Amino acid sequence: MFALSRWAGSLVDRFGPKLPLVVGPVIAGVGFALFALPSMEGSYWTAFFPAICVLGLGMSVTVAPLTTTVMNAVGEALAGTASGINNAVSRAAALLAIALFGVVLTLAFNVRLSVELRNVHAPESLVAAVMAQRDKLAGIAIPDGYPADVVAAVKRAIGVSFVAGFRWVMLVSALLALLSAVSAGMLLQGKLRWSAATKSQPRRRPEPAV
């Protein structure tokens, strides 16, 4: 985003706001979906790095044009108000996403952990100790005094469950990104209509905060 923000901001002048705000979220959605593919055995460079690059490209194509579109949608007298609303919505959305995705992760983790522990056939006391700490997610501490193979199986069950929860979060994120592309396609004007509506307003293309 640091390298591409200036280039991405110029996309609005070249193509209007609709195209980058449809294409950018679609690319970001693909990046989120790629995050849902890795398993416990995946390496960083083959499992996560490609997803990070695709997501970064999608966000680069999205954020700067979005800021430009917001700032160009009002007259110069309301530029400060538009910037404040844009930042406030961004911060509020981030906080809301963290809270909601935390719920999604926890629910998916708990459901998968119950299934995995049943398949492990671990002692009931160990299962009870693990389930009592389920709010710790992947940080669950396994009590001492159990066979090494059982402990290893329970650790794997915890890891698989956390990956399952993470995968659900990434898939929901991908879906939301695609929905934002759909909303942009339905609500924003194309280049010709947008250019006619904004030709009398000064163009402001501020660099977004990253």
Protein backbone atom coordinates (compact mmCIF):
# COMPACT_ATOMS: atom_id res chain seq x y z
CA MET A 1 0.00 0.00 0.00
CA PHE A 2 2.90 2.35 0.73
CA ALA A 3 4.33 1.84 -2.75
CA LEU A 4 1.09 1.86 -4.72
CA SER A 5 -1.11 4.46 -2.97
CA ARG A 6 -0.12 7.37 -5.25
CA TRP A 7 -0.67 5.29 -8.38
CA ALA A 8 -3.97 3.93 -7.03
CA GLY A 9 -5.22 7.42 -6.23
CA SER A 10 -4.81 8.41 -9.89
CA LEU A 11 -7.10 5.56 -10.97
CA VAL A 12 -10.12 7.68 -10.07
CA ASP A 13 -9.06 10.39 -12.54
CA ARG A 14 -8.42 7.84 -15.27
CA PHE A 15 -11.36 5.48 -14.83
CA GLY A 16 -13.76 7.12 -12.36
CA PRO A 17 -14.46 5.71 -8.88
CA LYS A 18 -16.59 2.75 -9.91
CA LEU A 19 -13.99 0.53 -11.57
CA PRO A 20 -11.26 0.63 -8.87
CA LEU A 21 -13.83 0.28 -6.07
CA VAL A 22 -15.20 -2.83 -7.74
CA VAL A 23 -11.93 -4.41 -8.85
CA GLY A 24 -10.02 -3.59 -5.64
CA PRO A 25 -12.40 -5.35 -3.23
CA VAL A 26 -12.62 -8.35 -5.57
CA ILE A 27 -8.82 -8.71 -5.48
CA ALA A 28 -8.87 -8.23 -1.70
CA GLY A 29 -11.56 -10.91 -1.45
CA VAL A 30 -9.32 -13.32 -3.34
CA GLY A 31 -6.52 -12.50 -0.90
CA PHE A 32 -8.77 -13.25 2.08
CA ALA A 33 -9.86 -16.51 0.46
CA LEU A 34 -6.22 -17.52 0.00
CA PHE A 35 -5.74 -17.11 3.75
CA ALA A 36 -8.37 -19.82 4.24
CA LEU A 37 -6.23 -22.42 2.43
CA PRO A 38 -3.21 -22.96 4.75
CA SER A 39 -3.18 -25.81 7.23
CA MET A 40 -1.02 -26.39 10.30
CA GLU A 41 1.78 -27.80 8.14
CA GLY A 42 1.94 -24.92 5.66
CA SER A 43 5.07 -22.76 5.50
CA TYR A 44 4.94 -18.97 5.59
CA TRP A 45 6.37 -18.42 2.10
CA THR A 46 4.08 -20.87 0.31
CA ALA A 47 0.94 -20.52 2.43
CA PHE A 48 0.72 -16.95 3.77
CA PHE A 49 3.03 -14.73 1.71
CA PRO A 50 1.05 -15.08 -1.56
CA ALA A 51 -2.17 -14.27 0.29
CA ILE A 52 -0.58 -11.20 1.89
CA CYS A 53 0.61 -9.93 -1.51
CA VAL A 54 -2.80 -10.38 -3.15
CA LEU A 55 -4.61 -8.78 -0.20
CA GLY A 56 -2.15 -5.88 -0.18
CA LEU A 57 -2.71 -5.29 -3.89
CA GLY A 58 -6.46 -5.34 -3.43
CA MET A 59 -6.34 -2.91 -0.51
CA SER A 60 -4.01 -0.61 -2.47
CA VAL A 61 -6.45 -0.45 -5.35
CA THR A 62 -9.30 0.22 -2.89
CA VAL A 63 -8.17 2.58 -0.11
CA ALA A 64 -6.70 5.54 -2.02
CA PRO A 65 -9.52 5.67 -4.62
CA LEU A 66 -12.06 5.43 -1.80
CA THR A 67 -10.47 8.39 0.00
CA THR A 68 -10.32 10.35 -3.25
CA THR A 69 -13.96 9.59 -4.02
CA VAL A 70 -15.10 10.70 -0.57
CA MET A 71 -13.14 13.95 -0.72
CA ASN A 72 -14.29 14.76 -4.27
CA ALA A 73 -17.93 14.09 -3.43
CA VAL A 74 -18.32 17.40 -1.55
CA GLY A 75 -17.36 21.00 -2.03
CA GLU A 76 -14.18 22.49 -0.61
CA ALA A 77 -16.08 24.00 2.32
CA LEU A 78 -17.09 20.52 3.51
CA ALA A 79 -13.72 18.83 2.93
CA GLY A 80 -12.90 18.74 6.64
CA THR A 81 -16.27 17.24 7.50
CA ALA A 82 -15.93 14.60 4.79
CA SER A 83 -12.45 13.67 5.98
CA GLY A 84 -13.62 13.41 9.59
CA ILE A 85 -16.59 11.22 8.70
CA ASN A 86 -14.41 9.01 6.51
CA ASN A 87 -11.89 8.48 9.33
CA ALA A 88 -14.59 7.97 11.98
CA VAL A 89 -16.39 5.34 9.92
CA SER A 90 -13.09 3.60 9.20
CA ARG A 91 -12.12 3.41 12.89
CA ALA A 92 -15.59 2.34 14.00
CA ALA A 93 -15.73 -0.35 11.32
CA ALA A 94 -12.34 -1.71 12.40
CA LEU A 95 -13.45 -2.00 16.03
CA LEU A 96 -16.73 -3.63 15.03
CA ALA A 97 -14.94 -6.09 12.76
CA ILE A 98 -12.55 -7.12 15.54
CA ALA A 99 -15.44 -7.78 17.90
CA LEU A 100 -17.56 -9.69 15.39
CA PHE A 101 -14.70 -11.71 13.98
CA GLY A 102 -13.68 -12.60 17.51
CA VAL A 103 -17.13 -14.09 18.02
CA VAL A 104 -16.90 -16.00 14.72
CA LEU A 105 -13.47 -17.34 15.60
CA THR A 106 -14.54 -18.41 19.08
CA LEU A 107 -17.72 -20.16 17.94
CA ALA A 108 -15.96 -22.04 15.13
CA PHE A 109 -13.08 -22.97 17.42
CA ASN A 110 -15.37 -24.35 20.14
CA VAL A 111 -17.44 -26.43 17.72
CA ARG A 112 -14.40 -27.91 16.00
CA LEU A 113 -12.57 -28.52 19.30
CA SER A 114 -15.48 -30.57 20.67
CA VAL A 115 -15.44 -32.75 17.56
CA GLU A 116 -11.67 -33.18 17.56
CA LEU A 117 -11.52 -34.12 21.24
CA ARG A 118 -14.19 -36.78 20.74
CA ASN A 119 -12.13 -38.28 17.94
CA VAL A 120 -8.99 -38.28 20.10
CA HIS A 121 -10.68 -40.35 22.84
CA ALA A 122 -8.70 -38.55 25.52
CA PRO A 123 -9.42 -39.11 29.23
CA GLU A 124 -12.47 -37.21 30.46
CA SER A 125 -10.40 -35.29 33.00
CA LEU A 126 -8.09 -34.03 30.26
CA VAL A 127 -11.01 -33.10 28.01
CA ALA A 128 -12.64 -31.22 30.89
CA ALA A 129 -9.40 -29.35 31.62
CA VAL A 130 -9.03 -28.35 27.98
CA MET A 131 -12.64 -27.28 27.55
CA ALA A 132 -12.43 -25.18 30.73
CA GLN A 133 -9.72 -23.12 28.98
CA ARG A 134 -11.37 -22.89 25.58
CA ASP A 135 -11.62 -19.10 25.86
CA LYS A 136 -7.80 -19.07 25.50
CA LEU A 137 -8.13 -20.57 22.00
CA ALA A 138 -4.68 -21.71 20.78
CA GLY A 139 -3.15 -20.71 24.13
CA ILE A 140 -4.73 -23.63 26.02
CA ALA A 141 -2.28 -25.21 28.48
CA ILE A 142 -2.40 -29.00 28.70
CA PRO A 143 -2.00 -30.38 32.25
CA ASP A 144 0.88 -32.67 33.10
CA GLY A 145 0.57 -36.36 33.93
CA TYR A 146 -0.83 -37.73 30.67
CA PRO A 147 0.84 -40.00 28.08
CA ALA A 148 2.91 -38.18 25.48
CA ASP A 149 0.90 -39.53 22.55
CA VAL A 150 -2.35 -38.34 24.11
CA VAL A 151 -0.88 -34.90 24.80
CA ALA A 152 0.37 -34.66 21.22
CA ALA A 153 -3.05 -35.64 19.88
CA VAL A 154 -4.78 -33.02 22.04
CA LYS A 155 -2.30 -30.34 20.97
CA ARG A 156 -3.01 -31.16 17.37
CA ALA A 157 -6.75 -31.02 18.03
CA ILE A 158 -6.32 -27.52 19.50
CA GLY A 159 -4.23 -26.39 16.53
CA VAL A 160 -6.65 -27.80 13.97
CA SER A 161 -9.54 -26.13 15.77
CA PHE A 162 -7.82 -22.74 15.76
CA VAL A 163 -7.04 -23.03 12.05
CA ALA A 164 -10.70 -23.87 11.44
CA GLY A 165 -11.79 -20.75 13.30
CA PHE A 166 -9.26 -18.61 11.44
CA ARG A 167 -10.46 -20.07 8.16
CA TRP A 168 -14.05 -19.06 8.91
CA VAL A 169 -12.93 -15.50 9.69
CA MET A 170 -11.09 -15.26 6.38
CA LEU A 171 -14.02 -16.65 4.40
CA VAL A 172 -16.41 -14.17 6.01
CA SER A 173 -13.93 -11.40 5.20
CA ALA A 174 -13.79 -12.54 1.59
CA LEU A 175 -17.58 -12.51 1.40
CA LEU A 176 -17.76 -8.99 2.85
CA ALA A 177 -15.15 -7.78 0.36
CA LEU A 178 -17.18 -9.18 -2.52
CA LEU A 179 -20.34 -7.56 -1.12
CA SER A 180 -18.55 -4.22 -1.02
CA ALA A 181 -17.62 -4.66 -4.69
CA VAL A 182 -21.26 -5.38 -5.50
CA SER A 183 -22.44 -2.31 -3.59
CA ALA A 184 -19.87 -0.12 -5.35
CA GLY A 185 -21.00 -1.46 -8.71
CA MET A 186 -24.62 -0.69 -7.90
CA LEU A 187 -24.26 2.68 -6.17
CA LEU A 188 -21.34 4.49 -7.82
CA GLN A 189 -21.40 6.31 -11.13
CA GLY A 190 -19.22 5.40 -14.10
CA LYS A 191 -16.42 7.62 -15.39
CA LEU A 192 -18.49 9.85 -17.68
CA ARG A 193 -21.25 10.65 -15.20
CA TRP A 194 -18.80 11.03 -12.31
CA SER A 195 -16.59 13.39 -14.36
CA ALA A 196 -19.58 15.54 -15.26
CA ALA A 197 -20.70 15.72 -11.62
CA THR A 198 -17.27 16.72 -10.28
CA LYS A 199 -15.78 18.84 -13.06
CA SER A 200 -16.61 22.06 -11.17
CA GLN A 201 -14.97 20.84 -7.95
CA PRO A 202 -11.23 20.92 -7.21
CA ARG A 203 -9.58 17.53 -7.27
CA ARG A 204 -8.15 16.47 -3.94
CA ARG A 205 -6.18 13.29 -3.74
CA PRO A 206 -4.78 13.12 -0.19
CA GLU A 207 -2.47 10.34 0.77
CA PRO A 208 -4.39 7.92 3.05
CA ALA A 209 -3.01 7.07 6.46
CA VAL A 210 -1.77 3.48 6.57
